[in-house]
Amino acid sequence: MSSDHPGRWVIGVADKIWRLTKRTYNRMVVRMQVAPPDFDRMFGALADATRRDIVRRAIGGEEGVLELASHYSMSFAAVQKHVAILVRAGLVSKHRSGRRKVVRTNLTGLRAARRLLDRYEELWRGRVERMSQLIDDSP
């Protein structure tokens, strides 16, 4: 790197990054657009710790809303609202079993969320690898 033009090196690296990522970025945008539109609702629902815990507890599908409410220091109505958000997001379902409304995790919904997260991980691992290559190839 020449000491009289330190900006040239930065511009050269930025140009290399742009050329390497331009095509991949455009493919990434198209690829991510095929995700179902309810993913925002799904990840919004999972952003809350109580709702994540409800999803975890509901995997066995043996507790009703009343039993779930006993695990939290909030009102029954508040837990019902959390469950309703999870139902709208497609992460849990409620089934009547006698007088109880049993909450069960929708594994298909969880798998869909996992697949999207796996795609993001793949995308970012590729970007880190390309950045590492650029750093290794730079003068």
Protein backbone atom coordinates (compact mmCIF):
# COMPACT_ATOMS: atom_id res chain seq x y z
CA MET A 1 0.00 0.00 0.00
CA SER A 2 1.37 3.34 -1.03
CA SER A 3 1.59 5.86 1.79
CA ASP A 4 0.96 8.80 -0.57
CA HIS A 5 -2.47 7.42 -1.66
CA PRO A 6 -4.01 5.53 1.28
CA GLY A 7 -7.51 6.01 -0.15
CA ARG A 8 -6.69 3.95 -3.27
CA TRP A 9 -6.43 0.74 -1.27
CA VAL A 10 -9.83 1.34 0.39
CA ILE A 11 -11.47 2.12 -2.96
CA GLY A 12 -9.91 -0.99 -4.50
CA VAL A 13 -11.22 -3.23 -1.71
CA ALA A 14 -14.67 -1.63 -1.88
CA ASP A 15 -14.74 -2.23 -5.64
CA LYS A 16 -13.82 -5.90 -5.15
CA ILE A 17 -16.53 -6.32 -2.52
CA TRP A 18 -19.12 -4.72 -4.82
CA ARG A 19 -18.20 -7.00 -7.75
CA LEU A 20 -18.31 -10.13 -5.58
CA THR A 21 -21.59 -9.32 -3.83
CA LYS A 22 -23.58 -7.63 -6.61
CA ARG A 23 -24.82 -10.82 -8.25
CA THR A 24 -25.26 -12.74 -5.01
CA TYR A 25 -27.17 -9.89 -3.39
CA ASN A 26 -29.65 -9.74 -6.26
CA ARG A 27 -30.16 -13.50 -6.06
CA MET A 28 -30.60 -13.23 -2.29
CA VAL A 29 -33.32 -10.60 -2.63
CA VAL A 30 -35.25 -12.73 -5.10
CA ARG A 31 -34.73 -15.88 -3.04
CA MET A 32 -35.93 -14.26 0.19
CA GLN A 33 -39.03 -12.83 -1.52
CA VAL A 34 -40.41 -16.35 -1.99
CA ALA A 35 -40.91 -16.63 1.77
CA PRO A 36 -44.57 -16.73 2.80
CA PRO A 37 -45.93 -13.32 3.84
CA ASP A 38 -46.80 -14.51 7.36
CA PHE A 39 -43.13 -14.83 8.35
CA ASP A 40 -43.18 -11.32 9.82
CA ARG A 41 -46.12 -12.33 12.00
CA MET A 42 -44.35 -15.56 12.96
CA PHE A 43 -41.09 -13.93 14.00
CA GLY A 44 -42.96 -11.08 15.68
CA ALA A 45 -44.75 -13.67 17.80
CA LEU A 46 -41.48 -15.42 18.63
CA ALA A 47 -39.86 -12.12 19.65
CA ASP A 48 -41.61 -12.31 23.03
CA ALA A 49 -40.07 -14.56 25.72
CA THR A 50 -43.45 -15.60 27.15
CA ARG A 51 -44.70 -16.70 23.74
CA ARG A 52 -41.50 -18.66 23.06
CA ASP A 53 -42.02 -20.42 26.38
CA ILE A 54 -45.64 -21.19 25.52
CA VAL A 55 -44.51 -22.73 22.22
CA ARG A 56 -41.96 -24.84 24.12
CA ARG A 57 -44.48 -26.00 26.71
CA ALA A 58 -47.10 -26.76 24.05
CA ILE A 59 -44.90 -29.20 22.14
CA GLY A 60 -46.31 -32.03 24.26
CA GLY A 61 -49.81 -30.69 23.65
CA GLU A 62 -51.17 -31.72 27.03
CA GLU A 63 -51.84 -28.40 28.77
CA GLY A 64 -54.87 -26.25 28.33
CA VAL A 65 -54.83 -22.47 28.39
CA LEU A 66 -55.72 -22.48 32.10
CA GLU A 67 -52.79 -24.79 32.94
CA LEU A 68 -50.44 -22.70 30.81
CA ALA A 69 -51.55 -19.55 32.63
CA SER A 70 -50.50 -21.07 35.96
CA HIS A 71 -46.83 -20.92 34.84
CA TYR A 72 -46.76 -17.15 34.45
CA SER A 73 -47.17 -14.20 36.79
CA MET A 74 -49.82 -12.57 34.63
CA SER A 75 -53.56 -12.78 34.27
CA PHE A 76 -55.36 -15.58 32.48
CA ALA A 77 -56.57 -13.01 29.93
CA ALA A 78 -52.99 -11.96 29.19
CA VAL A 79 -51.97 -15.59 28.55
CA GLN A 80 -55.03 -16.00 26.31
CA LYS A 81 -53.86 -13.01 24.28
CA HIS A 82 -50.37 -14.50 23.94
CA VAL A 83 -51.90 -17.78 22.76
CA ALA A 84 -54.12 -15.93 20.28
CA ILE A 85 -51.06 -14.21 18.78
CA LEU A 86 -49.34 -17.58 18.44
CA VAL A 87 -52.43 -19.08 16.80
CA ARG A 88 -52.60 -16.21 14.26
CA ALA A 89 -48.90 -16.71 13.53
CA GLY A 90 -49.48 -20.41 12.86
CA LEU A 91 -47.18 -21.54 15.65
CA VAL A 92 -49.77 -23.20 17.91
CA SER A 93 -53.31 -24.47 17.61
CA LYS A 94 -56.08 -24.90 20.16
CA HIS A 95 -58.19 -28.05 20.29
CA ARG A 96 -61.19 -28.64 22.49
CA SER A 97 -60.83 -31.65 24.74
CA GLY A 98 -63.96 -31.81 26.85
CA ARG A 99 -64.19 -28.48 28.65
CA ARG A 100 -60.52 -27.67 28.13
CA LYS A 101 -58.86 -25.90 25.22
CA VAL A 102 -55.58 -27.75 24.77
CA VAL A 103 -52.75 -25.82 23.16
CA ARG A 104 -50.44 -27.70 20.79
CA THR A 105 -47.38 -26.48 18.94
CA ASN A 106 -47.72 -26.48 15.17
CA LEU A 107 -44.49 -28.22 14.19
CA THR A 108 -45.00 -27.35 10.51
CA GLY A 109 -44.94 -23.65 11.41
CA LEU A 110 -41.80 -24.07 13.51
CA ARG A 111 -40.08 -25.98 10.71
CA ALA A 112 -40.92 -23.19 8.26
CA ALA A 113 -39.30 -20.66 10.59
CA ARG A 114 -36.26 -22.91 10.96
CA ARG A 115 -35.89 -23.25 7.17
CA LEU A 116 -35.88 -19.48 6.76
CA LEU A 117 -33.29 -19.07 9.52
CA ASP A 118 -31.15 -21.74 7.84
CA ARG A 119 -31.32 -19.79 4.57
CA TYR A 120 -30.19 -16.61 6.33
CA GLU A 121 -27.35 -18.49 7.99
CA GLU A 122 -26.23 -19.84 4.61
CA LEU A 123 -26.38 -16.36 3.12
CA TRP A 124 -24.30 -14.77 5.90
CA ARG A 125 -21.75 -17.58 5.99
CA GLY A 126 -21.23 -17.03 2.26
CA ARG A 127 -20.77 -13.32 2.78
CA VAL A 128 -18.23 -13.83 5.55
CA GLU A 129 -16.30 -16.28 3.36
CA ARG A 130 -16.25 -13.79 0.46
CA MET A 131 -15.08 -11.00 2.77
CA SER A 132 -12.32 -13.25 4.11
CA GLN A 133 -11.23 -14.00 0.54
CA LEU A 134 -11.10 -10.29 -0.23
CA ILE A 135 -8.98 -9.62 2.81
CA ASP A 136 -6.63 -12.48 1.94
CA ASP A 137 -6.36 -11.33 -1.71
CA SER A 138 -5.74 -7.67 -0.90
CA PRO A 139 -2.18 -6.33 -1.24
